[in-house]
Amino acid sequence: MLDSQSIHLKALDSTDLHHLQAVLNEICREAGKSQRAPDMQEIAALLISLYRHGVTEEDKLLSVGRLALTQTTPSAAAAGSSESGAAGPSSVE
């Protein structure tokens, strides 16, 4: 079954890799993280998989990468939103 799926996957050339690198660089820059960070490596693998399956538009790859970033660090996102939510109403009163 795996062989039949891999037949339809797009092989990547240097232009494709350059394109993917640019997308990952942007996501890393926005997140303030190194490409070597474990969550960035997971996002890189996701981007490669999507690209090989035909998702090649930069805006779509960036959107998915950004969404994946929020999914890989849920505790950090939750902590940030709960802090801002708790501080907002109490300081307004």
Protein backbone atom coordinates (compact mmCIF):
# COMPACT_ATOMS: atom_id res chain seq x y z
CA MET A 1 0.00 0.00 0.00
CA LEU A 2 2.81 2.43 0.83
CA ASP A 3 4.45 1.80 -2.56
CA SER A 4 1.30 2.71 -4.48
CA GLN A 5 1.06 6.00 -2.58
CA SER A 6 4.70 6.93 -3.06
CA ILE A 7 4.44 6.50 -6.83
CA HIS A 8 2.18 9.56 -6.99
CA LEU A 9 4.36 11.79 -4.83
CA LYS A 10 6.27 14.59 -6.50
CA ALA A 11 10.05 14.34 -6.39
CA LEU A 12 11.68 17.53 -5.15
CA ASP A 13 14.40 19.36 -7.05
CA SER A 14 16.67 22.19 -5.91
CA THR A 15 14.11 24.84 -6.90
CA ASP A 16 11.45 23.12 -4.79
CA LEU A 17 13.82 22.88 -1.83
CA HIS A 18 14.71 26.56 -2.17
CA HIS A 19 11.00 27.45 -2.17
CA LEU A 20 10.35 25.31 0.92
CA GLN A 21 13.40 26.79 2.67
CA ALA A 22 12.05 30.30 2.13
CA VAL A 23 8.69 29.32 3.64
CA LEU A 24 10.34 27.68 6.65
CA ASN A 25 12.67 30.67 7.11
CA GLU A 26 9.64 32.97 7.31
CA ILE A 27 7.86 30.76 9.85
CA CYS A 28 11.03 30.49 11.97
CA ARG A 29 11.54 34.26 11.80
CA GLU A 30 7.96 34.93 12.89
CA ALA A 31 8.23 32.40 15.72
CA GLY A 32 11.69 33.58 16.77
CA LYS A 33 12.98 30.01 16.63
CA SER A 34 15.87 28.17 15.05
CA GLN A 35 15.27 25.78 12.17
CA ARG A 36 16.89 23.14 14.35
CA ALA A 37 14.23 23.43 17.05
CA PRO A 38 12.21 20.19 17.25
CA ASP A 39 8.89 21.88 16.50
CA MET A 40 10.41 23.63 13.47
CA GLN A 41 11.71 20.31 12.18
CA GLU A 42 8.21 18.86 12.50
CA ILE A 43 6.81 21.79 10.55
CA ALA A 44 9.52 21.35 7.90
CA ALA A 45 8.52 17.69 7.48
CA LEU A 46 4.87 18.72 7.19
CA LEU A 47 5.69 21.35 4.55
CA ILE A 48 7.72 18.84 2.53
CA SER A 49 4.88 16.33 2.66
CA LEU A 50 2.32 18.91 1.55
CA TYR A 51 4.58 20.11 -1.24
CA ARG A 52 5.12 16.58 -2.50
CA HIS A 53 1.35 16.12 -2.55
CA GLY A 54 0.89 19.20 -4.71
CA VAL A 55 0.43 22.08 -2.26
CA THR A 56 3.05 24.43 -3.71
CA GLU A 57 1.57 27.90 -3.22
CA GLU A 58 3.60 29.91 -0.73
CA ASP A 59 0.60 31.51 0.98
CA LYS A 60 -1.01 28.11 1.61
CA LEU A 61 2.23 26.62 2.92
CA LEU A 62 2.75 29.62 5.21
CA SER A 63 -0.80 29.36 6.52
CA VAL A 64 -0.46 25.66 7.30
CA GLY A 65 2.98 26.17 8.83
CA ARG A 66 1.70 28.96 11.06
CA LEU A 67 -1.26 26.86 12.12
CA ALA A 68 1.01 23.90 12.84
CA LEU A 69 3.20 26.16 14.96
CA THR A 70 0.23 27.02 17.17
CA GLN A 71 -0.60 23.33 17.46
CA THR A 72 2.94 22.30 18.45
CA THR A 73 3.07 24.76 21.35
CA PRO A 74 -0.44 24.69 22.85
CA SER A 75 0.73 25.25 26.44
CA ALA A 76 2.60 28.41 25.49
CA ALA A 77 -0.36 29.75 23.54
CA ALA A 78 -2.78 28.90 26.35
CA ALA A 79 -0.54 30.50 28.96
CA GLY A 80 -0.27 33.68 26.92
CA SER A 81 -4.01 33.97 26.34
CA SER A 82 -4.95 33.18 29.95
CA GLU A 83 -2.49 35.76 31.25
CA SER A 84 -3.81 38.48 28.98
CA GLY A 85 -7.41 37.49 29.71
CA ALA A 86 -6.86 37.54 33.47
CA ALA A 87 -5.00 40.84 33.47
CA GLY A 88 -7.42 42.61 31.13
CA PRO A 89 -10.68 42.53 33.11
CA SER A 90 -9.11 43.02 36.56
CA SER A 91 -7.09 46.05 35.48
CA VAL A 92 -10.12 47.65 33.77
CA GLU A 93 -12.22 47.56 36.95
